[in-house]
Amino acid sequence: MSRTGRRRPEPLLALGLLLAAATLTGCTKDKPHHTLRVLASPELADVEPLLEDLEEDTGVELKLDYKATADLSGPLGPYDLAWPASDRSYLLRLQDSGAPAARPESTAIMRSPVVVGLAPAVADRLRRGVPGGRLSWADIADAAADGSLRFGMPDPRRSDTGRAALVGVATAAAGTGRALRERDVSCDRLRGFRSGHTLTGANSRDLIDTYVRRQGAADALIAHESELLTLNAAGKLKRPLEIVHPEDGMVLSDFPLMLLDAGEHKAYRKVVDWLRRDETQKKLMERTWRRPVSQDVPRPARLREEIGNALSYPDRIAVVRRLMDDYGAPGSRAADHVVFLLDFSTSMRGRRMADLRAAFADLSGADPTATGKFARFYRGERLTVVRFAGRVLEERTVTVRGDGDLRALNSFVGKGGFGADTAVWSALGRGYEVATKSVADHPEQPVSIVLMTDGENNEGRTYGKFTRDRARLGAAARAVPTFPVHFGEADAKALRRAADATGGRMVDANSSSLSQAFKEIRGCR
């Protein structure tokens, strides 16, 4: 015993401590600690609890910064990796820039389709109106247009989820079965769909948090399947949402891990290999409800629903940008004002007038096809119908608030009388008078004119007089486009000239039908 009363360590104990320290040092040397900075989607906050296991097993620590936008448009310099919901918009932007930068290595980690979560009562109501009960994006758009569905969706300009949803809906609206091309988005087919967008957020987590607080503000959420399943399991909703996988296809996100700093390739491969192990894939699936990339991992019943038609993403950034521009900021875009100039000369009697009235009925919701559901009149849209013959016969304007407004408009088209002669350019002049007042009273509201005639001008203003009158209008009124519908014996050359002069486009109803022609130019400007 020393003078302090403390016992000296026994030689064997000291040796044991030294050996233990050496063992720990050896383990640390085997797995040196390495930190990677990751620009991540806000959705990926749910994987963070698993990252301690990653660090323990591989020696690599991931520091996630949840600031990733839909196309990774922010500065990437501070980051070694990026982990978005999808790398598609970023790669298109990189391709479009013409920069010599190499395409970064990217590995899919897990998958989830963008789907719709519907309040159960709303889901039941919508299914009753659909043969077979399999809902589509067209059915969602149709219900949004007639005001019977309000939905929440993240802002497509900022969110991976919102952008994938918008691409999916637009692809379904185009009806081509292929990736969107520029001509597929030359007209905005999503105006009715957009009218139901009542709840939004910068990302899907913000959207879901808002919905939990304000469940009465929307009947549906559009988000990744994984987020909606997680929300249902959290017990925060009055009633769980019913998950709908749209029949006309979905965009699939694969949550790729991207290597931004090529110098970190070795550490990146360690992380990727660990994340794609079956054991880890199972844990990711159980924690996040995302589908594993490995086919060997058994899935629970709620993840066995077939994805079906996985919609392709556009291959040009210009297409995506056009979609973003047309859609605008959710909730901020004014509804359209469309002025229809309809020929009620005596040559329209009989079958032709029946076709016109059927076309208006289709636009009012009678058309059960997918294209009809996307093209229909929608809640909030302002519609002016001018009936003309040798002069303007009658005029009616409605703002669509419900079925009663559409019935009134269809009655106006259906019961009107006929007149002698055809004053095409006088009618178009009246259309621009309506447009001039509209752009003055509601400068934020897009205005367009649809001119339908089956004959040549033989009364009223000449085309030259019309163009001189239009030239005296203000810039906003002159910018309103005209879309002539060529029907019967109308002068196609003159109508095409009017379309070209006003920035519109002529469509030929003789080669299809009036209903198809009206649908073709819906949303064009």
Protein backbone atom coordinates (compact mmCIF):
# COMPACT_ATOMS: atom_id res chain seq x y z
CA MET A 1 0.00 0.00 0.00
CA SER A 2 1.43 3.43 -0.93
CA ARG A 3 1.42 6.42 1.32
CA THR A 4 -1.76 7.63 -0.42
CA GLY A 5 -3.46 4.37 0.38
CA ARG A 6 -4.01 3.43 -3.30
CA ARG A 7 -3.20 -0.02 -4.60
CA ARG A 8 -0.91 -0.26 -7.62
CA PRO A 9 -2.49 -1.97 -10.67
CA GLU A 10 -1.80 -5.65 -10.86
CA PRO A 11 0.55 -6.53 -13.76
CA LEU A 12 -2.02 -8.86 -15.38
CA LEU A 13 -4.79 -6.26 -15.21
CA ALA A 14 -2.57 -3.63 -16.78
CA LEU A 15 -1.63 -6.04 -19.54
CA GLY A 16 -5.31 -6.79 -20.19
CA LEU A 17 -6.13 -3.11 -20.49
CA LEU A 18 -3.31 -2.61 -22.96
CA LEU A 19 -4.49 -5.54 -25.08
CA ALA A 20 -8.06 -4.22 -25.09
CA ALA A 21 -6.88 -0.80 -26.19
CA ALA A 22 -4.81 -2.38 -28.94
CA THR A 23 -7.83 -4.39 -30.11
CA LEU A 24 -10.02 -1.29 -30.25
CA THR A 25 -7.31 0.59 -32.11
CA GLY A 26 -7.06 -2.27 -34.58
CA CYS A 27 -10.83 -2.19 -35.17
CA THR A 28 -10.75 1.55 -35.77
CA LYS A 29 -7.96 1.13 -38.28
CA ASP A 30 -9.94 -1.61 -40.06
CA LYS A 31 -12.93 0.79 -40.42
CA PRO A 32 -11.66 4.35 -40.55
CA HIS A 33 -14.37 6.93 -40.02
CA HIS A 34 -15.34 8.86 -43.16
CA THR A 35 -18.02 11.54 -43.56
CA LEU A 36 -19.94 12.27 -46.77
CA ARG A 37 -22.11 15.36 -47.15
CA VAL A 38 -25.40 14.57 -48.90
CA LEU A 39 -27.93 16.89 -50.54
CA ALA A 40 -31.14 14.99 -49.86
CA SER A 41 -34.83 15.15 -50.60
CA PRO A 42 -36.86 16.22 -47.54
CA GLU A 43 -38.81 12.97 -47.93
CA LEU A 44 -35.72 11.01 -46.88
CA ALA A 45 -35.75 12.18 -43.28
CA ASP A 46 -37.37 8.81 -42.52
CA VAL A 47 -34.17 6.87 -43.36
CA GLU A 48 -31.98 8.74 -40.89
CA PRO A 49 -32.44 6.26 -37.99
CA LEU A 50 -30.84 3.56 -40.16
CA LEU A 51 -27.73 5.60 -40.89
CA GLU A 52 -26.16 4.78 -37.53
CA ASP A 53 -26.12 1.13 -38.61
CA LEU A 54 -24.54 2.17 -41.92
CA GLU A 55 -21.76 4.01 -40.10
CA GLU A 56 -21.20 1.14 -37.69
CA ASP A 57 -20.98 -1.44 -40.49
CA THR A 58 -19.00 0.56 -43.08
CA GLY A 59 -17.26 3.39 -41.22
CA VAL A 60 -19.03 5.89 -43.51
CA GLU A 61 -21.18 8.59 -41.97
CA LEU A 62 -23.80 10.35 -44.11
CA LYS A 63 -24.69 13.90 -43.14
CA LEU A 64 -28.00 14.63 -44.87
CA ASP A 65 -29.00 18.18 -45.73
CA TYR A 66 -32.70 18.15 -46.69
CA LYS A 67 -32.63 20.95 -49.24
CA ALA A 68 -32.81 19.11 -52.55
CA THR A 69 -35.14 20.69 -55.11
CA ALA A 70 -36.80 18.89 -58.02
CA ASP A 71 -33.87 19.49 -60.39
CA LEU A 72 -31.06 20.02 -57.84
CA SER A 73 -30.86 23.63 -58.98
CA GLY A 74 -29.02 24.90 -55.92
CA PRO A 75 -25.22 24.88 -55.41
CA LEU A 76 -23.79 21.37 -55.42
CA GLY A 77 -20.22 22.28 -54.48
CA PRO A 78 -20.54 21.62 -50.74
CA TYR A 79 -21.84 18.08 -51.29
CA ASP A 80 -20.23 14.73 -52.03
CA LEU A 81 -23.50 12.93 -52.88
CA ALA A 82 -27.06 13.78 -53.79
CA TRP A 83 -30.07 11.68 -52.81
CA PRO A 84 -33.22 13.01 -54.52
CA ALA A 85 -36.49 11.19 -55.15
CA SER A 86 -35.55 11.24 -58.83
CA ASP A 87 -32.55 12.39 -60.87
CA ARG A 88 -34.49 12.82 -64.13
CA SER A 89 -34.97 16.60 -64.11
CA TYR A 90 -31.37 17.16 -63.02
CA LEU A 91 -29.98 14.98 -65.81
CA LEU A 92 -32.18 16.74 -68.40
CA ARG A 93 -30.97 20.10 -67.12
CA LEU A 94 -27.36 18.89 -67.31
CA GLN A 95 -27.93 17.65 -70.87
CA ASP A 96 -29.53 20.93 -71.91
CA SER A 97 -26.73 23.07 -70.49
CA GLY A 98 -24.27 21.75 -73.04
CA ALA A 99 -21.62 21.68 -70.29
CA PRO A 100 -18.90 19.03 -70.70
CA ALA A 101 -19.57 17.71 -67.19
CA ALA A 102 -19.76 13.92 -67.03
CA ARG A 103 -23.03 12.32 -66.03
CA PRO A 104 -22.69 11.41 -62.34
CA GLU A 105 -22.86 7.80 -61.26
CA SER A 106 -26.36 7.10 -59.96
CA THR A 107 -27.80 3.99 -58.27
CA ALA A 108 -31.46 3.30 -57.51
CA ILE A 109 -31.97 2.55 -53.81
CA MET A 110 -35.75 2.07 -53.42
CA ARG A 111 -38.91 2.75 -55.43
CA SER A 112 -42.30 4.32 -54.99
CA PRO A 113 -44.98 5.34 -57.52
CA VAL A 114 -46.82 8.65 -57.33
CA VAL A 115 -50.42 7.78 -56.49
CA VAL A 116 -53.63 9.31 -55.13
CA GLY A 117 -54.90 8.97 -51.58
CA LEU A 118 -58.67 9.55 -51.47
CA ALA A 119 -61.01 10.04 -48.55
CA PRO A 120 -63.00 6.76 -48.45
CA ALA A 121 -66.39 8.37 -49.12
CA VAL A 122 -64.99 10.27 -52.10
CA ALA A 123 -63.33 7.12 -53.43
CA ASP A 124 -66.65 5.26 -53.24
CA ARG A 125 -68.49 8.07 -55.02
CA LEU A 126 -65.96 8.31 -57.84
CA ARG A 127 -65.83 4.55 -58.34
CA ARG A 128 -69.59 4.34 -58.73
CA GLY A 129 -69.32 6.55 -61.79
CA VAL A 130 -66.58 4.50 -63.48
CA PRO A 131 -67.22 1.19 -65.26
CA GLY A 132 -65.25 -1.47 -63.40
CA GLY A 133 -64.42 0.96 -60.60
CA ARG A 134 -60.77 1.38 -61.67
CA LEU A 135 -60.00 5.08 -61.31
CA SER A 136 -57.67 6.94 -63.64
CA TRP A 137 -55.97 10.34 -63.73
CA ALA A 138 -58.70 11.32 -66.19
CA ASP A 139 -61.33 10.54 -63.54
CA ILE A 140 -59.43 12.65 -61.00
CA ALA A 141 -59.23 15.53 -63.51
CA ASP A 142 -62.93 15.18 -64.33
CA ALA A 143 -63.94 15.37 -60.66
CA ALA A 144 -61.62 18.33 -60.08
CA ALA A 145 -63.10 20.14 -63.09
CA ASP A 146 -66.69 19.76 -61.92
CA GLY A 147 -65.79 20.91 -58.42
CA SER A 148 -66.49 17.62 -56.64
CA LEU A 149 -62.84 16.90 -55.75
CA ARG A 150 -60.30 19.10 -53.99
CA PHE A 151 -56.79 17.73 -53.73
CA GLY A 152 -53.42 18.51 -52.23
CA MET A 153 -50.21 18.15 -54.24
CA PRO A 154 -46.69 19.50 -53.67
CA ASP A 155 -45.58 22.45 -55.79
CA PRO A 156 -44.26 20.93 -59.07
CA ARG A 157 -41.76 23.78 -59.47
CA ARG A 158 -39.94 22.80 -56.29
CA SER A 159 -40.84 19.24 -55.40
CA ASP A 160 -39.78 15.92 -56.95
CA THR A 161 -43.14 14.46 -56.00
CA GLY A 162 -45.20 17.32 -57.42
CA ARG A 163 -43.24 17.30 -60.66
CA ALA A 164 -43.58 13.53 -61.08
CA ALA A 165 -47.31 13.81 -60.44
CA LEU A 166 -47.70 16.60 -63.00
CA VAL A 167 -45.75 14.66 -65.63
CA GLY A 168 -47.93 11.62 -64.95
CA VAL A 169 -51.18 13.56 -65.30
CA ALA A 170 -49.99 15.38 -68.44
CA THR A 171 -48.84 12.11 -70.02
CA ALA A 172 -52.24 10.57 -69.35
CA ALA A 173 -53.92 13.69 -70.79
CA ALA A 174 -51.86 13.45 -73.99
CA GLY A 175 -53.13 9.90 -74.46
CA THR A 176 -50.21 8.84 -76.66
CA GLY A 177 -48.79 6.12 -74.41
CA ARG A 178 -45.33 7.63 -74.97
CA ALA A 179 -43.10 10.11 -73.17
CA LEU A 180 -44.36 13.67 -73.56
CA ARG A 181 -43.11 15.65 -76.54
CA GLU A 182 -43.29 19.40 -77.10
CA ARG A 183 -46.34 19.10 -79.35
CA ASP A 184 -48.12 17.15 -76.58
CA VAL A 185 -47.84 20.15 -74.26
CA SER A 186 -48.45 22.88 -76.86
CA CYS A 187 -51.93 23.27 -75.31
CA ASP A 188 -52.62 23.19 -71.59
CA ARG A 189 -54.83 20.14 -71.00
CA LEU A 190 -54.63 20.38 -67.22
CA ARG A 191 -56.74 23.45 -66.52
CA GLY A 192 -59.65 21.44 -65.16
CA PHE A 193 -57.30 19.29 -63.09
CA ARG A 194 -55.55 22.40 -61.73
CA SER A 195 -58.86 23.95 -60.64
CA GLY A 196 -59.11 21.30 -57.90
CA HIS A 197 -55.63 21.95 -56.48
CA THR A 198 -56.54 23.58 -53.16
CA LEU A 199 -53.67 22.50 -50.89
CA THR A 200 -49.94 22.61 -51.56
CA GLY A 201 -46.48 22.71 -50.00
CA ALA A 202 -42.87 23.25 -50.98
CA ASN A 203 -42.41 19.48 -50.63
CA SER A 204 -44.53 16.50 -49.77
CA ARG A 205 -43.62 16.56 -46.07
CA ASP A 206 -44.84 20.15 -45.80
CA LEU A 207 -48.00 19.20 -47.70
CA ILE A 208 -48.76 16.24 -45.44
CA ASP A 209 -48.12 18.26 -42.27
CA THR A 210 -50.57 20.90 -43.54
CA TYR A 211 -53.16 18.27 -44.44
CA VAL A 212 -52.96 16.68 -40.98
CA ARG A 213 -53.78 20.09 -39.48
CA ARG A 214 -56.47 20.93 -42.07
CA GLN A 215 -58.06 17.65 -43.12
CA GLY A 216 -61.21 19.42 -44.29
CA ALA A 217 -59.28 21.46 -46.86
CA ALA A 218 -58.93 18.60 -49.35
CA ASP A 219 -60.55 15.28 -50.29
CA ALA A 220 -57.36 13.73 -51.64
CA LEU A 221 -53.58 13.88 -51.57
CA ILE A 222 -51.27 13.19 -54.51
CA ALA A 223 -47.92 11.92 -53.27
CA HIS A 224 -45.65 8.91 -53.26
CA GLU A 225 -47.34 5.68 -52.25
CA SER A 226 -44.80 5.35 -49.43
CA GLU A 227 -45.73 8.71 -47.88
CA LEU A 228 -49.44 7.97 -47.94
CA LEU A 229 -48.97 4.52 -46.38
CA THR A 230 -46.78 6.10 -43.69
CA LEU A 231 -49.42 8.76 -43.06
CA ASN A 232 -52.15 6.13 -42.74
CA ALA A 233 -50.03 4.12 -40.30
CA ALA A 234 -49.29 7.17 -38.13
CA GLY A 235 -52.86 7.32 -36.82
CA LYS A 236 -53.14 11.10 -37.35
CA LEU A 237 -56.10 11.01 -39.73
CA LYS A 238 -59.78 10.79 -38.86
CA ARG A 239 -60.01 8.02 -41.43
CA PRO A 240 -57.12 6.50 -43.42
CA LEU A 241 -56.90 7.50 -47.06
CA GLU A 242 -57.69 4.92 -49.72
CA ILE A 243 -54.67 4.44 -51.96
CA VAL A 244 -55.51 4.56 -55.67
CA HIS A 245 -53.05 3.46 -58.35
CA PRO A 246 -54.36 5.30 -61.45
CA GLU A 247 -55.34 2.97 -64.26
CA ASP A 248 -53.73 5.16 -66.94
CA GLY A 249 -50.28 4.90 -65.40
CA MET A 250 -47.91 6.33 -62.80
CA VAL A 251 -44.47 7.87 -62.70
CA LEU A 252 -42.12 5.75 -60.60
CA SER A 253 -39.43 7.37 -58.42
CA ASP A 254 -36.36 5.29 -57.60
CA PHE A 255 -34.61 7.49 -54.99
CA PRO A 256 -31.15 7.26 -56.58
CA LEU A 257 -27.97 7.94 -54.68
CA MET A 258 -25.75 10.08 -56.92
CA LEU A 259 -22.00 10.54 -56.74
CA LEU A 260 -21.15 14.23 -57.14
CA ASP A 261 -17.50 14.09 -56.04
CA ALA A 262 -15.72 11.40 -58.05
CA GLY A 263 -12.94 11.38 -55.43
CA GLU A 264 -15.36 9.74 -53.00
CA HIS A 265 -16.11 6.77 -55.23
CA LYS A 266 -14.77 4.15 -52.83
CA ALA A 267 -16.90 5.41 -49.93
CA TYR A 268 -19.88 5.81 -52.26
CA ARG A 269 -19.66 2.16 -53.31
CA LYS A 270 -19.56 1.07 -49.66
CA VAL A 271 -22.74 3.02 -48.97
CA VAL A 272 -24.54 1.77 -52.10
CA ASP A 273 -23.60 -1.86 -51.44
CA TRP A 274 -24.85 -1.58 -47.86
CA LEU A 275 -28.11 0.10 -48.84
CA ARG A 276 -28.87 -2.52 -51.49
CA ARG A 277 -28.23 -5.53 -49.25
CA ASP A 278 -31.40 -7.58 -48.79
CA GLU A 279 -31.28 -7.07 -45.02
CA THR A 280 -31.08 -3.29 -45.42
CA GLN A 281 -33.70 -3.25 -48.17
CA LYS A 282 -36.07 -5.05 -45.79
CA LYS A 283 -35.42 -2.50 -43.05
CA LEU A 284 -35.92 0.41 -45.47
CA MET A 285 -39.19 -1.10 -46.65
CA GLU A 286 -40.46 -1.65 -43.10
CA ARG A 287 -39.52 1.85 -41.97
CA THR A 288 -40.42 3.92 -45.07
CA TRP A 289 -43.00 1.82 -47.02
CA ARG A 290 -40.89 2.20 -50.17
CA ARG A 291 -40.60 -0.80 -52.45
CA PRO A 292 -37.25 -2.60 -52.43
CA VAL A 293 -35.17 -2.65 -55.61
CA SER A 294 -34.28 -6.24 -54.84
CA GLN A 295 -36.86 -8.76 -56.07
CA ASP A 296 -35.68 -11.21 -53.39
CA VAL A 297 -37.14 -9.22 -50.51
CA PRO A 298 -40.69 -10.37 -49.64
CA ARG A 299 -43.23 -7.53 -49.63
CA PRO A 300 -46.24 -7.01 -47.40
CA ALA A 301 -49.69 -7.09 -48.99
CA ARG A 302 -49.95 -3.30 -49.28
CA LEU A 303 -46.84 -3.21 -51.47
CA ARG A 304 -47.90 -6.01 -53.79
CA GLU A 305 -50.27 -3.84 -55.83
CA GLU A 306 -49.04 -3.94 -59.41
CA ILE A 307 -47.66 -0.63 -60.65
CA GLY A 308 -48.93 -1.48 -64.12
CA ASN A 309 -48.20 1.14 -66.75
CA ALA A 310 -45.08 2.97 -65.55
CA LEU A 311 -45.20 6.27 -67.42
CA SER A 312 -42.06 7.49 -69.14
CA TYR A 313 -40.47 10.80 -68.24
CA PRO A 314 -39.92 13.41 -71.01
CA ASP A 315 -36.50 13.28 -72.66
CA ARG A 316 -36.21 17.06 -73.13
CA ILE A 317 -36.08 19.71 -70.41
CA ALA A 318 -38.06 22.10 -72.64
CA VAL A 319 -41.12 19.86 -72.26
CA VAL A 320 -40.84 19.86 -68.47
CA ARG A 321 -40.36 23.64 -68.40
CA ARG A 322 -43.42 24.17 -70.58
CA LEU A 323 -45.45 22.07 -68.16
CA MET A 324 -44.17 24.12 -65.22
CA ASP A 325 -44.90 27.41 -66.98
CA ASP A 326 -48.42 26.38 -67.94
CA TYR A 327 -49.24 25.05 -64.49
CA GLY A 328 -47.77 28.04 -62.66
CA ALA A 329 -47.83 28.56 -58.92
CA PRO A 330 -50.53 26.32 -57.39
CA GLY A 331 -53.61 28.34 -56.49
CA SER A 332 -52.40 31.55 -58.12
CA ARG A 333 -53.53 31.15 -61.71
CA ALA A 334 -56.82 32.73 -62.77
CA ALA A 335 -59.38 30.63 -64.63
CA ASP A 336 -59.66 31.15 -68.37
CA HIS A 337 -62.19 33.17 -70.33
CA VAL A 338 -63.09 31.54 -73.65
CA VAL A 339 -65.25 33.38 -76.21
CA PHE A 340 -67.11 31.05 -78.59
CA LEU A 341 -68.37 32.59 -81.84
CA LEU A 342 -70.87 30.10 -83.26
CA ASP A 343 -72.37 30.21 -86.74
CA PHE A 344 -76.18 29.98 -86.60
CA SER A 345 -76.79 30.68 -90.29
CA THR A 346 -79.46 28.56 -92.00
CA SER A 347 -76.83 26.21 -93.48
CA MET A 348 -76.18 24.96 -89.92
CA ARG A 349 -79.68 23.50 -89.60
CA GLY A 350 -80.14 19.79 -89.15
CA ARG A 351 -77.22 17.44 -88.67
CA ARG A 352 -74.62 20.18 -88.37
CA MET A 353 -76.43 21.92 -85.51
CA ALA A 354 -76.96 18.56 -83.81
CA ASP A 355 -73.20 18.01 -84.00
CA LEU A 356 -72.54 21.46 -82.52
CA ARG A 357 -74.91 20.89 -79.63
CA ALA A 358 -73.40 17.45 -79.00
CA ALA A 359 -69.93 19.02 -78.94
CA PHE A 360 -71.03 21.51 -76.28
CA ALA A 361 -72.64 18.71 -74.26
CA ASP A 362 -69.34 16.80 -74.44
CA LEU A 363 -67.41 19.83 -73.19
CA SER A 364 -69.92 20.10 -70.35
CA GLY A 365 -69.06 16.62 -69.06
CA ALA A 366 -71.01 14.21 -71.26
CA ASP A 367 -67.89 12.82 -72.98
CA PRO A 368 -66.81 9.70 -71.02
CA THR A 369 -63.45 9.32 -72.79
CA ALA A 370 -60.16 10.21 -71.13
CA THR A 371 -59.56 13.08 -73.55
CA GLY A 372 -63.08 14.33 -72.91
CA LYS A 373 -62.55 14.36 -69.17
CA PHE A 374 -59.37 16.40 -69.49
CA ALA A 375 -60.90 18.82 -72.04
CA ARG A 376 -64.20 19.57 -70.30
CA PHE A 377 -65.34 22.96 -69.01
CA TYR A 378 -64.21 23.45 -65.43
CA ARG A 379 -65.29 25.17 -62.24
CA GLY A 380 -64.41 28.86 -62.32
CA GLU A 381 -64.01 29.07 -66.12
CA ARG A 382 -65.75 31.99 -67.79
CA LEU A 383 -67.52 31.19 -71.05
CA THR A 384 -69.08 33.60 -73.55
CA VAL A 385 -71.17 32.28 -76.44
CA VAL A 386 -71.98 34.64 -79.31
CA ARG A 387 -74.48 33.27 -81.85
CA PHE A 388 -74.22 34.92 -85.25
CA ALA A 389 -75.54 34.75 -88.80
CA GLY A 390 -75.61 37.87 -90.99
CA ARG A 391 -75.21 39.78 -87.74
CA VAL A 392 -74.73 39.00 -84.06
CA LEU A 393 -77.96 37.31 -82.98
CA GLU A 394 -77.54 36.83 -79.25
CA GLU A 395 -74.85 36.60 -76.58
CA ARG A 396 -74.56 34.91 -73.20
CA THR A 397 -71.75 34.79 -70.60
CA VAL A 398 -71.57 32.41 -67.63
CA THR A 399 -68.97 31.62 -65.01
CA VAL A 400 -69.09 27.90 -64.27
CA ARG A 401 -70.00 27.35 -60.62
CA GLY A 402 -71.92 24.13 -61.06
CA ASP A 403 -74.01 21.97 -63.36
CA GLY A 404 -76.75 24.60 -63.48
CA ASP A 405 -74.48 27.06 -65.31
CA LEU A 406 -73.55 24.43 -67.87
CA ARG A 407 -77.17 23.46 -68.39
CA ALA A 408 -78.04 27.13 -68.98
CA LEU A 409 -75.24 27.46 -71.52
CA ASN A 410 -76.23 24.27 -73.33
CA SER A 411 -79.83 25.46 -73.41
CA PHE A 412 -78.69 28.74 -74.97
CA VAL A 413 -76.81 26.82 -77.69
CA GLY A 414 -79.58 24.27 -78.11
CA LYS A 415 -82.62 26.52 -78.44
CA GLY A 416 -81.31 29.42 -80.48
CA GLY A 417 -82.89 30.35 -83.82
CA PHE A 418 -81.15 30.76 -87.16
CA GLY A 419 -80.51 33.74 -89.45
CA ALA A 420 -79.73 34.45 -93.07
CA ASP A 421 -76.21 35.11 -94.39
CA THR A 422 -72.85 34.73 -92.63
CA ALA A 423 -70.97 37.69 -91.14
CA VAL A 424 -67.75 35.92 -90.13
CA TRP A 425 -65.56 39.00 -89.68
CA SER A 426 -68.24 41.05 -87.95
CA ALA A 427 -68.64 38.19 -85.47
CA LEU A 428 -64.89 38.05 -84.93
CA GLY A 429 -64.89 41.80 -84.42
CA ARG A 430 -67.49 41.33 -81.68
CA GLY A 431 -65.31 38.62 -80.17
CA TYR A 432 -62.45 41.11 -79.84
CA GLU A 433 -64.78 43.67 -78.27
CA VAL A 434 -65.62 41.08 -75.58
CA ALA A 435 -61.94 40.22 -75.23
CA THR A 436 -60.96 43.88 -74.88
CA LYS A 437 -63.32 44.37 -71.96
CA SER A 438 -62.22 41.09 -70.39
CA VAL A 439 -58.49 41.89 -70.41
CA ALA A 440 -59.25 45.35 -69.04
CA ASP A 441 -61.47 44.09 -66.21
CA HIS A 442 -59.43 40.95 -65.42
CA PRO A 443 -55.86 41.46 -66.69
CA GLU A 444 -54.69 38.30 -64.92
CA GLN A 445 -57.19 36.10 -66.79
CA PRO A 446 -56.10 34.30 -69.99
CA VAL A 447 -58.53 34.97 -72.86
CA SER A 448 -58.95 33.14 -76.16
CA ILE A 449 -61.49 33.13 -79.00
CA VAL A 450 -62.94 30.11 -80.80
CA LEU A 451 -64.60 30.88 -84.16
CA MET A 452 -66.76 28.13 -85.67
CA THR A 453 -68.37 28.59 -89.10
CA ASP A 454 -69.52 26.38 -91.96
CA GLY A 455 -69.64 29.09 -94.63
CA GLU A 456 -67.86 31.97 -96.31
CA ASN A 457 -68.24 35.58 -95.26
CA ASN A 458 -71.02 37.26 -97.30
CA GLU A 459 -72.24 40.02 -95.00
CA GLY A 460 -70.90 42.70 -92.68
CA ARG A 461 -67.24 43.62 -92.32
CA THR A 462 -64.59 42.50 -94.74
CA TYR A 463 -61.47 40.77 -93.51
CA GLY A 464 -59.49 43.94 -94.25
CA LYS A 465 -61.86 46.04 -92.12
CA PHE A 466 -61.54 43.51 -89.28
CA THR A 467 -57.72 43.63 -89.36
CA ARG A 468 -57.71 47.45 -89.35
CA ASP A 469 -60.11 47.53 -86.39
CA ARG A 470 -58.04 44.98 -84.51
CA ALA A 471 -54.84 46.95 -85.14
CA ARG A 472 -56.35 49.87 -83.19
CA LEU A 473 -56.86 47.76 -80.06
CA GLY A 474 -54.54 47.83 -77.08
CA ALA A 475 -51.62 45.41 -76.90
CA ALA A 476 -53.33 43.07 -74.41
CA ALA A 477 -56.43 42.68 -76.62
CA ARG A 478 -54.34 42.23 -79.76
CA ALA A 479 -52.50 39.39 -78.00
CA VAL A 480 -55.72 37.36 -77.66
CA PRO A 481 -55.48 34.41 -80.08
CA THR A 482 -58.25 33.17 -82.34
CA PHE A 483 -58.75 29.44 -83.04
CA PRO A 484 -60.99 28.99 -86.09
CA VAL A 485 -62.82 25.70 -86.52
CA HIS A 486 -63.23 24.89 -90.22
CA PHE A 487 -66.54 23.15 -90.86
CA GLY A 488 -68.64 22.42 -93.92
CA GLU A 489 -67.97 24.84 -96.80
CA ALA A 490 -66.10 27.45 -94.74
CA ASP A 491 -63.17 29.24 -96.40
CA ALA A 492 -60.19 27.37 -94.95
CA LYS A 493 -57.65 29.78 -96.44
CA ALA A 494 -59.34 32.84 -94.88
CA LEU A 495 -59.71 31.12 -91.50
CA ARG A 496 -56.08 30.04 -91.50
CA ARG A 497 -55.04 33.60 -92.32
CA ALA A 498 -57.03 34.89 -89.32
CA ALA A 499 -55.44 32.28 -87.06
CA ASP A 500 -51.93 33.16 -88.21
CA ALA A 501 -52.59 36.90 -87.79
CA THR A 502 -53.79 36.51 -84.20
CA GLY A 503 -51.38 33.85 -82.97
CA GLY A 504 -53.92 31.01 -82.98
CA ARG A 505 -54.32 27.84 -84.99
CA MET A 506 -57.01 26.51 -87.31
CA VAL A 507 -58.45 23.03 -86.82
CA ASP A 508 -60.46 21.12 -89.40
CA ALA A 509 -63.67 19.57 -88.08
CA ASN A 510 -64.41 18.04 -91.49
CA SER A 511 -61.61 15.54 -91.01
CA SER A 512 -62.83 14.44 -87.56
CA SER A 513 -65.84 15.99 -85.78
CA LEU A 514 -66.84 19.22 -84.12
CA SER A 515 -66.45 17.60 -80.71
CA GLN A 516 -62.92 16.43 -81.54
CA ALA A 517 -62.01 19.82 -83.01
CA PHE A 518 -63.16 21.68 -79.89
CA LYS A 519 -61.24 19.26 -77.68
CA GLU A 520 -58.12 19.68 -79.80
CA ILE A 521 -57.90 23.42 -79.17
CA ARG A 522 -58.93 23.42 -75.51
CA GLY A 523 -56.18 25.11 -73.50
CA CYS A 524 -54.38 26.44 -76.56
CA ARG A 525 -53.20 30.04 -76.62
